[in-house]
PDB file of N, CA and C in Angstrom:
ATOM      1  N   MET A   1     -18.689   9.220  19.286  1.00  0.00           N
ATOM      2  CA  MET A   1     -17.973   9.689  18.538  1.00  0.00           C
ATOM      3  C   MET A   1     -16.443   9.254  18.826  1.00  0.00           C
ATOM      4  N   ARG A   2     -16.459   8.370  19.944  1.00  0.00           N
ATOM      5  CA  ARG A   2     -14.643   8.229  20.140  1.00  0.00           C
ATOM      6  C   ARG A   2     -14.602   6.925  19.267  1.00  0.00           C
ATOM      7  N   ASP A   3     -15.729   6.056  18.849  1.00  0.00           N
ATOM      8  CA  ASP A   3     -15.512   4.962  18.235  1.00  0.00           C
ATOM      9  C   ASP A   3     -14.977   5.904  16.625  1.00  0.00           C
ATOM     10  N   HIS A   4     -15.685   6.579  16.082  1.00  0.00           N
ATOM     11  CA  HIS A   4     -15.673   6.969  14.802  1.00  0.00           C
ATOM     12  C   HIS A   4     -13.890   8.202  15.244  1.00  0.00           C
ATOM     13  N   ASP A   5     -13.321   8.088  15.485  1.00  0.00           N
ATOM     14  CA  ASP A   5     -12.337   8.839  15.603  1.00  0.00           C
ATOM     15  C   ASP A   5     -11.314   7.961  15.952  1.00  0.00           C
ATOM     16  N   GLN A   6     -11.256   6.736  16.485  1.00  0.00           N
ATOM     17  CA  GLN A   6     -10.246   5.519  16.143  1.00  0.00           C
ATOM     18  C   GLN A   6     -10.594   4.864  15.020  1.00  0.00           C
ATOM     19  N   LEU A   7     -11.390   4.699  14.681  1.00  0.00           N
ATOM     20  CA  LEU A   7     -11.722   4.264  13.006  1.00  0.00           C
ATOM     21  C   LEU A   7     -10.788   5.159  12.468  1.00  0.00           C
ATOM     22  N   LYS A   8     -11.196   6.425  12.286  1.00  0.00           N
ATOM     23  CA  LYS A   8     -10.200   7.091  11.142  1.00  0.00           C
ATOM     24  C   LYS A   8      -8.837   7.496  11.540  1.00  0.00           C
ATOM     25  N   ASN A   9      -8.934   7.245  12.957  1.00  0.00           N
ATOM     26  CA  ASN A   9      -6.869   6.995  13.073  1.00  0.00           C
ATOM     27  C   ASN A   9      -6.223   5.912  12.640  1.00  0.00           C
ATOM     28  N   SER A  10      -7.123   5.160  13.121  1.00  0.00           N
ATOM     29  CA  SER A  10      -6.760   3.224  11.967  1.00  0.00           C
ATOM     30  C   SER A  10      -6.485   3.687  10.787  1.00  0.00           C
ATOM     31  N   LEU A  11      -7.482   4.351   9.717  1.00  0.00           N
ATOM     32  CA  LEU A  11      -7.428   4.082   8.699  1.00  0.00           C
ATOM     33  C   LEU A  11      -5.870   5.236   8.166  1.00  0.00           C
ATOM     34  N   LEU A  12      -5.937   6.321   8.483  1.00  0.00           N
ATOM     35  CA  LEU A  12      -5.049   7.689   8.501  1.00  0.00           C
ATOM     36  C   LEU A  12      -3.055   6.277   8.512  1.00  0.00           C
ATOM     37  N   ASP A  13      -3.064   5.496   9.542  1.00  0.00           N
ATOM     38  CA  ASP A  13      -2.350   4.708  10.091  1.00  0.00           C
ATOM     39  C   ASP A  13      -1.811   3.943   8.856  1.00  0.00           C
ATOM     40  N   LEU A  14      -3.388   3.047   8.776  1.00  0.00           N
ATOM     41  CA  LEU A  14      -2.998   2.193   7.699  1.00  0.00           C
ATOM     42  C   LEU A  14      -2.023   2.476   6.292  1.00  0.00           C
ATOM     43  N   GLY A  15      -3.101   3.031   6.093  1.00  0.00           N
ATOM     44  CA  GLY A  15      -2.597   3.430   4.433  1.00  0.00           C
ATOM     45  C   GLY A  15      -1.327   4.299   4.475  1.00  0.00           C
ATOM     46  N   GLN A  16      -0.727   5.043   5.305  1.00  0.00           N
ATOM     47  CA  GLN A  16       0.886   5.364   5.398  1.00  0.00           C
ATOM     48  C   GLN A  16       1.510   3.921   6.110  1.00  0.00           C
ATOM     49  N   LEU A  17       1.143   3.152   6.885  1.00  0.00           N
ATOM     50  CA  LEU A  17       1.795   2.153   7.035  1.00  0.00           C
ATOM     51  C   LEU A  17       2.130   1.216   5.893  1.00  0.00           C
ATOM     52  N   VAL A  18       0.552   1.078   4.881  1.00  0.00           N
ATOM     53  CA  VAL A  18       0.630  -0.201   3.927  1.00  0.00           C
ATOM     54  C   VAL A  18       1.619   0.653   2.799  1.00  0.00           C
ATOM     55  N   LYS A  19       1.233   1.913   2.609  1.00  0.00           N
ATOM     56  CA  LYS A  19       2.302   2.666   1.366  1.00  0.00           C
ATOM     57  C   LYS A  19       3.610   2.235   1.493  1.00  0.00           C
ATOM     58  N   GLU A  20       4.327   2.651   2.713  1.00  0.00           N
ATOM     59  CA  GLU A  20       5.607   2.567   3.045  1.00  0.00           C
ATOM     60  C   GLU A  20       6.021   0.860   2.751  1.00  0.00           C
ATOM     61  N   HIS A  21       5.140   0.284   3.474  1.00  0.00           N
ATOM     62  CA  HIS A  21       5.478  -1.317   3.076  1.00  0.00           C
ATOM     63  C   HIS A  21       6.157  -1.329   2.038  1.00  0.00           C
ATOM     64  N   ALA A  22       4.619  -1.046   0.748  1.00  0.00           N
ATOM     65  CA  ALA A  22       5.149  -1.441  -0.572  1.00  0.00           C
ATOM     66  C   ALA A  22       5.760  -1.215  -1.206  1.00  0.00           C
ATOM     67  N   LEU A  23       6.561   0.651  -1.058  1.00  0.00           N
ATOM     68  CA  LEU A  23       7.590   0.949  -1.738  1.00  0.00           C
ATOM     69  C   LEU A  23       8.960  -0.029  -1.088  1.00  0.00           C
ATOM     70  N   GLU A  24       9.335  -0.450   0.479  1.00  0.00           N
ATOM     71  CA  GLU A  24       9.984  -0.870   0.818  1.00  0.00           C
ATOM     72  C   GLU A  24      10.313  -2.490  -0.013  1.00  0.00           C
ATOM     73  N   ALA A  25       9.076  -2.897   0.180  1.00  0.00           N
ATOM     74  CA  ALA A  25       9.313  -4.667  -0.404  1.00  0.00           C
ATOM     75  C   ALA A  25       9.765  -4.585  -1.853  1.00  0.00           C
ATOM     76  N   VAL A  26       9.641  -3.439  -2.709  1.00  0.00           N
ATOM     77  CA  VAL A  26       9.638  -2.843  -4.368  1.00  0.00           C
ATOM     78  C   VAL A  26      11.536  -3.204  -3.590  1.00  0.00           C
ATOM     79  N   ALA A  27      12.451  -2.195  -3.159  1.00  0.00           N
ATOM     80  CA  ALA A  27      12.965  -1.559  -2.708  1.00  0.00           C
ATOM     81  C   ALA A  27      14.093  -3.283  -2.887  1.00  0.00           C
ATOM     82  N   GLU A  28      13.714  -4.409  -1.968  1.00  0.00           N
ATOM     83  CA  GLU A  28      14.386  -4.291  -1.405  1.00  0.00           C
ATOM     84  C   GLU A  28      14.289  -5.817  -2.149  1.00  0.00           C
ATOM     85  N   ARG A  29      12.892  -5.842  -3.188  1.00  0.00           N
ATOM     86  CA  ARG A  29      12.772  -6.913  -4.648  1.00  0.00           C
ATOM     87  C   ARG A  29      14.408  -6.626  -5.516  1.00  0.00           C
ATOM     88  N   ALA A  30      14.451  -5.327  -5.382  1.00  0.00           N
ATOM     89  CA  ALA A  30      15.288  -4.755  -6.622  1.00  0.00           C
ATOM     90  C   ALA A  30      16.733  -5.166  -5.734  1.00  0.00           C
ATOM     91  N   LYS A  31      16.882  -5.357  -4.739  1.00  0.00           N
ATOM     92  CA  LYS A  31      18.250  -6.006  -3.821  1.00  0.00           C
ATOM     93  C   LYS A  31      18.284  -7.546  -4.659  1.00  0.00           C
ATOM     94  N   HIS A  32      17.493  -8.286  -4.337  1.00  0.00           N
ATOM     95  CA  HIS A  32      17.569  -9.317  -4.584  1.00  0.00           C
ATOM     96  C   HIS A  32      17.119 -10.367  -6.136  1.00  0.00           C
ATOM     97  N   ARG A  33      17.792  -9.429  -7.035  1.00  0.00           N
ATOM     98  CA  ARG A  33      17.601 -10.145  -8.052  1.00  0.00           C
ATOM     99  C   ARG A  33      18.794 -10.591  -8.460  1.00  0.00           C
ATOM    100  N   GLY A  34      18.252 -11.477  -9.117  1.00  0.00           N
ATOM    101  CA  GLY A  34      19.484 -12.668  -9.917  1.00  0.00           C
ATOM    102  C   GLY A  34      19.448 -13.147  -8.214  1.00  0.00           C
ATOM    103  N   GLN A  35      19.888 -13.345  -6.931  1.00  0.00           N
ATOM    104  CA  GLN A  35      19.591 -14.425  -5.998  1.00  0.00           C
ATOM    105  C   GLN A  35      18.525 -15.807  -6.107  1.00  0.00           C
ATOM    106  N   ALA A  36      19.166 -16.654  -5.103  1.00  0.00           N
ATOM    107  CA  ALA A  36      17.837 -17.067  -4.579  1.00  0.00           C
ATOM    108  C   ALA A  36      16.603 -17.065  -4.259  1.00  0.00           C
ATOM    109  N   ALA A  37      15.535 -17.661  -4.696  1.00  0.00           N
ATOM    110  CA  ALA A  37      13.982 -17.154  -3.911  1.00  0.00           C
ATOM    111  C   ALA A  37      13.540 -15.897  -4.308  1.00  0.00           C
ATOM    112  N   PRO A  38      13.943 -15.306  -5.852  1.00  0.00           N
ATOM    113  CA  PRO A  38      13.042 -14.038  -6.019  1.00  0.00           C
ATOM    114  C   PRO A  38      11.420 -14.306  -6.024  1.00  0.00           C
ATOM    115  N   GLU A  39      11.050 -15.002  -5.992  1.00  0.00           N
ATOM    116  CA  GLU A  39       9.211 -15.829  -6.408  1.00  0.00           C
ATOM    117  C   GLU A  39       8.929 -14.848  -4.572  1.00  0.00           C
ATOM    118  N   PHE A  40       9.318 -14.862  -3.964  1.00  0.00           N
ATOM    119  CA  PHE A  40       9.300 -14.678  -2.709  1.00  0.00           C
ATOM    120  C   PHE A  40       8.693 -13.236  -3.203  1.00  0.00           C
ATOM    121  N   TYR A  41       9.741 -12.571  -3.134  1.00  0.00           N
ATOM    122  CA  TYR A  41       9.897 -11.287  -2.965  1.00  0.00           C
ATOM    123  C   TYR A  41       9.148 -10.286  -4.593  1.00  0.00           C
ATOM    124  N   GLU A  42       9.181 -10.936  -5.524  1.00  0.00           N
ATOM    125  CA  GLU A  42       7.518 -11.072  -6.412  1.00  0.00           C
ATOM    126  C   GLU A  42       6.460 -10.904  -5.665  1.00  0.00           C
ATOM    127  N   GLY A  43       6.270 -12.034  -4.989  1.00  0.00           N
ATOM    128  CA  GLY A  43       4.962 -12.389  -4.812  1.00  0.00           C
ATOM    129  C   GLY A  43       4.666 -11.524  -2.871  1.00  0.00           C
ATOM    130  N   TYR A  44       5.542 -10.879  -2.147  1.00  0.00           N
ATOM    131  CA  TYR A  44       5.229 -10.121  -1.217  1.00  0.00           C
ATOM    132  C   TYR A  44       4.858  -8.884  -2.720  1.00  0.00           C
ATOM    133  N   VAL A  45       4.972  -8.069  -3.219  1.00  0.00           N
ATOM    134  CA  VAL A  45       5.507  -6.462  -4.306  1.00  0.00           C
ATOM    135  C   VAL A  45       4.079  -7.006  -4.612  1.00  0.00           C
ATOM    136  N   LEU A  46       4.134  -8.387  -5.327  1.00  0.00           N
ATOM    137  CA  LEU A  46       2.284  -8.412  -5.909  1.00  0.00           C
ATOM    138  C   LEU A  46       1.208  -8.195  -4.782  1.00  0.00           C
ATOM    139  N   GLY A  47       1.009  -8.868  -3.658  1.00  0.00           N
ATOM    140  CA  GLY A  47       0.662  -8.822  -2.840  1.00  0.00           C
ATOM    141  C   GLY A  47       0.157  -7.248  -2.327  1.00  0.00           C
ATOM    142  N   LEU A  48       0.922  -6.874  -1.613  1.00  0.00           N
ATOM    143  CA  LEU A  48       1.333  -5.559  -1.272  1.00  0.00           C
ATOM    144  C   LEU A  48       0.764  -4.023  -2.762  1.00  0.00           C
ATOM    145  N   HIS A  49       0.336  -4.653  -4.045  1.00  0.00           N
ATOM    146  CA  HIS A  49       0.318  -4.277  -5.073  1.00  0.00           C
ATOM    147  C   HIS A  49      -1.553  -4.466  -4.900  1.00  0.00           C
ATOM    148  N   ARG A  50      -1.757  -5.594  -4.417  1.00  0.00           N
ATOM    149  CA  ARG A  50      -2.996  -5.432  -4.821  1.00  0.00           C
ATOM    150  C   ARG A  50      -3.970  -4.435  -3.598  1.00  0.00           C
ATOM    151  N   ILE A  51      -2.951  -5.180  -2.917  1.00  0.00           N
ATOM    152  CA  ILE A  51      -3.845  -3.900  -1.376  1.00  0.00           C
ATOM    153  C   ILE A  51      -3.424  -2.346  -1.834  1.00  0.00           C
ATOM    154  N   VAL A  52      -2.338  -1.755  -2.042  1.00  0.00           N
ATOM    155  CA  VAL A  52      -2.665  -0.566  -2.025  1.00  0.00           C
ATOM    156  C   VAL A  52      -3.401   0.053  -3.761  1.00  0.00           C
ATOM    157  N   SER A  53      -4.155  -1.319  -4.542  1.00  0.00           N
ATOM    158  CA  SER A  53      -4.758  -0.585  -5.402  1.00  0.00           C
ATOM    159  C   SER A  53      -5.465  -1.203  -5.149  1.00  0.00           C
ATOM    160  N   LEU A  54      -6.309  -1.781  -4.244  1.00  0.00           N
ATOM    161  CA  LEU A  54      -7.710  -1.546  -3.373  1.00  0.00           C
ATOM    162  C   LEU A  54      -8.071  -0.840  -3.033  1.00  0.00           C
ATOM    163  N   MET A  55      -7.517  -0.195  -1.964  1.00  0.00           N
ATOM    164  CA  MET A  55      -7.325   1.117  -0.840  1.00  0.00           C
ATOM    165  C   MET A  55      -8.455   1.627  -1.521  1.00  0.00           C
ATOM    166  N   PRO A  56      -7.654   2.412  -2.490  1.00  0.00           N
ATOM    167  CA  PRO A  56      -8.203   3.699  -3.372  1.00  0.00           C
ATOM    168  C   PRO A  56      -9.095   3.220  -4.158  1.00  0.00           C
ATOM    169  N   GLN A  57      -9.808   2.144  -4.191  1.00  0.00           N
ATOM    170  CA  GLN A  57     -11.283   1.683  -5.076  1.00  0.00           C
ATOM    171  C   GLN A  57     -11.891   2.226  -4.206  1.00  0.00           C
ATOM    172  N   GLN A  58     -11.724   1.058  -2.646  1.00  0.00           N
ATOM    173  CA  GLN A  58     -13.130   1.298  -1.231  1.00  0.00           C
ATOM    174  C   GLN A  58     -12.702   2.745  -1.111  1.00  0.00           C
ATOM    175  N   ALA A  59     -11.655   4.322  -1.458  1.00  0.00           N
ATOM    176  CA  ALA A  59     -11.933   5.410  -1.034  1.00  0.00           C
ATOM    177  C   ALA A  59     -13.202   5.600  -1.895  1.00  0.00           C
ATOM    178  N   LEU A  60     -12.422   5.603  -2.826  1.00  0.00           N
ATOM    179  CA  LEU A  60     -13.439   6.083  -4.244  1.00  0.00           C
ATOM    180  C   LEU A  60     -14.903   6.154  -3.720  1.00  0.00           C
ATOM    181  N   ALA A  61     -15.271   4.430  -3.556  1.00  0.00           N
ATOM    182  CA  ALA A  61     -15.925   4.011  -3.554  1.00  0.00           C
ATOM    183  C   ALA A  61     -17.313   4.580  -2.268  1.00  0.00           C
ATOM    184  N   PHE A  62     -16.705   5.192  -1.679  1.00  0.00           N
ATOM    185  CA  PHE A  62     -17.128   5.816   0.336  1.00  0.00           C
ATOM    186  C   PHE A  62     -16.603   7.211  -0.064  1.00  0.00           C
ATOM    187  N   GLY A  63     -16.384   7.824  -1.168  1.00  0.00           N
ATOM    188  CA  GLY A  63     -16.136   9.585  -1.116  1.00  0.00           C
ATOM    189  C   GLY A  63     -14.833   9.531  -0.145  1.00  0.00           C
ATOM    190  N   ILE A  64     -13.569   8.861  -0.391  1.00  0.00           N
ATOM    191  CA  ILE A  64     -12.895   9.026   0.680  1.00  0.00           C
ATOM    192  C   ILE A  64     -11.445  10.029  -0.164  1.00  0.00           C
ATOM    193  N   ASP A  65     -11.627  11.050   0.238  1.00  0.00           N
ATOM    194  CA  ASP A  65      -9.754  11.497  -0.531  1.00  0.00           C
ATOM    195  C   ASP A  65      -8.862  10.370  -0.518  1.00  0.00           C
ATOM    196  N   LEU A  66      -8.447  10.691  -1.079  1.00  0.00           N
ATOM    197  CA  LEU A  66      -6.586   9.474  -1.171  1.00  0.00           C
ATOM    198  C   LEU A  66      -5.569  10.308  -0.171  1.00  0.00           C
ATOM    199  N   THR A  67      -5.962  11.345  -0.065  1.00  0.00           N
ATOM    200  CA  THR A  67      -5.067  12.426   0.955  1.00  0.00           C
ATOM    201  C   THR A  67      -5.006  12.162   2.672  1.00  0.00           C
ATOM    202  N   THR A  68      -6.846  11.646   2.743  1.00  0.00           N
ATOM    203  CA  THR A  68      -6.830  11.126   3.995  1.00  0.00           C
ATOM    204  C   THR A  68      -6.319   9.850   4.493  1.00  0.00           C
ATOM    205  N   LEU A  69      -6.690   9.240   3.375  1.00  0.00           N
ATOM    206  CA  LEU A  69      -6.206   7.987   4.033  1.00  0.00           C
ATOM    207  C   LEU A  69      -4.333   8.238   3.481  1.00  0.00           C
ATOM    208  N   ARG A  70      -3.787   9.076   3.290  1.00  0.00           N
ATOM    209  CA  ARG A  70      -1.961   9.180   3.327  1.00  0.00           C
ATOM    210  C   ARG A  70      -1.729   7.993   2.312  1.00  0.00           C
ATOM    211  N   LEU A  71      -2.276   7.860   0.843  1.00  0.00           N
ATOM    212  CA  LEU A  71      -2.104   7.115  -0.532  1.00  0.00           C
ATOM    213  C   LEU A  71      -2.053   7.868  -1.393  1.00  0.00           C
ATOM    214  N   ASP A  72      -2.334   9.291  -0.996  1.00  0.00           N
ATOM    215  CA  ASP A  72      -1.805  10.119  -2.204  1.00  0.00           C
ATOM    216  C   ASP A  72      -0.297   9.954  -2.852  1.00  0.00           C
ATOM    217  N   GLY A  73      -0.044   9.916  -3.844  1.00  0.00           N
ATOM    218  CA  GLY A  73       1.213  10.405  -4.101  1.00  0.00           C
ATOM    219  C   GLY A  73       2.276   8.646  -4.758  1.00  0.00           C
ATOM    220  N   ILE A  74       1.132   8.012  -4.471  1.00  0.00           N
ATOM    221  CA  ILE A  74       1.848   6.330  -4.735  1.00  0.00           C
ATOM    222  C   ILE A  74       0.288   5.887  -5.616  1.00  0.00           C
ATOM    223  N   LYS A  75       1.166   5.265  -6.996  1.00  0.00           N
ATOM    224  CA  LYS A  75       0.357   4.390  -8.095  1.00  0.00           C
ATOM    225  C   LYS A  75       0.821   3.711  -8.317  1.00  0.00           C
ATOM    226  N   PRO A  76       0.051   2.542  -8.102  1.00  0.00           N
ATOM    227  CA  PRO A  76       0.663   1.443  -7.990  1.00  0.00           C
ATOM    228  C   PRO A  76       0.919   0.514  -9.545  1.00  0.00           C
ATOM    229  N   ASP A  77      -0.232   1.110 -10.195  1.00  0.00           N
ATOM    230  CA  ASP A  77       0.535   0.506 -11.421  1.00  0.00           C
ATOM    231  C   ASP A  77       1.858   1.344 -12.036  1.00  0.00           C
ATOM    232  N   CYS A  78       2.139   1.704 -11.824  1.00  0.00           N
ATOM    233  CA  CYS A  78       3.743   1.944 -11.541  1.00  0.00           C
ATOM    234  C   CYS A  78       5.075   2.457 -10.589  1.00  0.00           C
ATOM    235  N   ASP A  79       4.508   2.223  -9.459  1.00  0.00           N
ATOM    236  CA  ASP A  79       5.831   2.287  -8.628  1.00  0.00           C
ATOM    237  C   ASP A  79       5.866   0.780  -7.935  1.00  0.00           C
ATOM    238  N   LEU A  80       4.735  -0.283  -8.285  1.00  0.00           N
ATOM    239  CA  LEU A  80       4.883  -1.700  -7.673  1.00  0.00           C
ATOM    240  C   LEU A  80       4.979  -2.165  -8.668  1.00  0.00           C
ATOM    241  N   VAL A  81       5.343  -2.162  -9.599  1.00  0.00           N
ATOM    242  CA  VAL A  81       5.609  -3.221 -10.706  1.00  0.00           C
ATOM    243  C   VAL A  81       6.998  -3.688 -10.606  1.00  0.00           C
TER     244      VAL A  81
END
């Protein structure tokens, strides 16, 4: 049972952290528009977009509610473009 609790807690933290990093990356990208090397920020946001898109797909496949993973309230195709 201990392993199950560790896995659950890990996924709870992971979902929240990924969401936070993704939204921070969007804000950072916006701050650097028009400056040198914007490709870095664009690529960073795109990578996080992919992760934030994949996690809900996996949750759906396994019957896990997005609130359980703390991924509710973020829409990758709206919030991370």
